[in-house]
Amino acid sequence: MKENEILEEIHRIRAEQARECGYDVDVMMARMRQNLGRLKEEGWKIVSPPKRPAEKSGAVHEDPPEK
């Protein structure tokens, strides 16, 4: 597989941040929220992904054919 410098840097930074937070997801999420708040105060526009429509059941109910 080709080496991708950008992906390697992303993985390195993520590993470093996880290590700094003691691999605790709650700590990582609190840190992220804090950083987002700081960026928002600095005037950055924070966007969220679009909401997904409610999932519908994939099963279709049909009466069996009459004989």
Protein backbone atom coordinates (compact mmCIF):
# COMPACT_ATOMS: atom_id res chain seq x y z
CA MET A 1 0.00 0.00 0.00
CA LYS A 2 1.23 3.49 -0.82
CA GLU A 3 2.31 5.71 2.01
CA ASN A 4 0.08 8.72 2.46
CA GLU A 5 1.76 11.49 4.43
CA ILE A 6 -1.52 13.24 5.26
CA LEU A 7 -3.16 10.09 6.65
CA GLU A 8 -0.02 9.21 8.58
CA GLU A 9 -0.06 12.68 10.17
CA ILE A 10 -3.76 12.38 11.05
CA HIS A 11 -3.17 8.97 12.67
CA ARG A 12 -0.13 10.27 14.56
CA ILE A 13 -2.05 13.30 15.90
CA ARG A 14 -5.08 11.19 16.88
CA ALA A 15 -2.86 8.73 18.73
CA GLU A 16 -1.08 11.59 20.50
CA GLN A 17 -4.37 13.19 21.57
CA ALA A 18 -5.76 9.85 22.77
CA ARG A 19 -2.60 9.28 24.80
CA GLU A 20 -2.86 12.80 26.33
CA CYS A 21 -6.45 12.02 27.38
CA GLY A 22 -5.52 8.66 28.88
CA TYR A 23 -7.52 6.89 26.13
CA ASP A 24 -10.70 8.02 27.94
CA VAL A 25 -13.45 8.75 25.40
CA ASP A 26 -15.32 11.03 27.83
CA VAL A 27 -12.20 13.14 28.32
CA MET A 28 -11.60 13.26 24.55
CA MET A 29 -15.20 14.38 23.89
CA ALA A 30 -15.04 17.05 26.64
CA ARG A 31 -11.83 18.35 25.09
CA MET A 32 -13.46 18.43 21.65
CA ARG A 33 -16.48 20.37 22.98
CA GLN A 34 -14.12 22.83 24.68
CA ASN A 35 -12.18 23.34 21.45
CA LEU A 36 -15.39 23.81 19.45
CA GLY A 37 -16.59 26.42 21.95
CA ARG A 38 -13.30 28.27 21.66
CA LEU A 39 -13.44 28.22 17.85
CA LYS A 40 -17.05 29.46 17.91
CA GLU A 41 -16.03 32.37 20.17
CA GLU A 42 -13.25 33.19 17.69
CA GLY A 43 -15.89 33.56 14.98
CA TRP A 44 -15.59 30.20 13.22
CA LYS A 45 -18.83 28.84 11.82
CA ILE A 46 -19.55 25.44 13.35
CA VAL A 47 -21.73 23.15 11.26
CA SER A 48 -23.30 19.79 12.04
CA PRO A 49 -23.95 16.94 9.63
CA PRO A 50 -27.49 16.84 8.23
CA LYS A 51 -30.02 14.87 10.24
CA ARG A 52 -30.78 11.44 8.87
CA PRO A 53 -34.40 10.66 8.09
CA ALA A 54 -36.04 8.14 10.40
CA GLU A 55 -35.13 4.65 9.31
CA LYS A 56 -37.92 2.57 7.92
CA SER A 57 -38.14 -1.14 8.32
CA GLY A 58 -36.69 -2.99 5.37
CA ALA A 59 -39.28 -5.74 5.73
CA VAL A 60 -42.26 -5.64 3.43
CA HIS A 61 -45.43 -7.36 4.54
CA GLU A 62 -47.43 -9.02 1.83
CA ASP A 63 -50.25 -11.49 2.13
CA PRO A 64 -49.41 -14.88 0.70
CA PRO A 65 -50.87 -15.51 -2.74
CA GLU A 66 -54.33 -17.08 -2.77
CA LYS A 67 -54.55 -20.61 -4.10
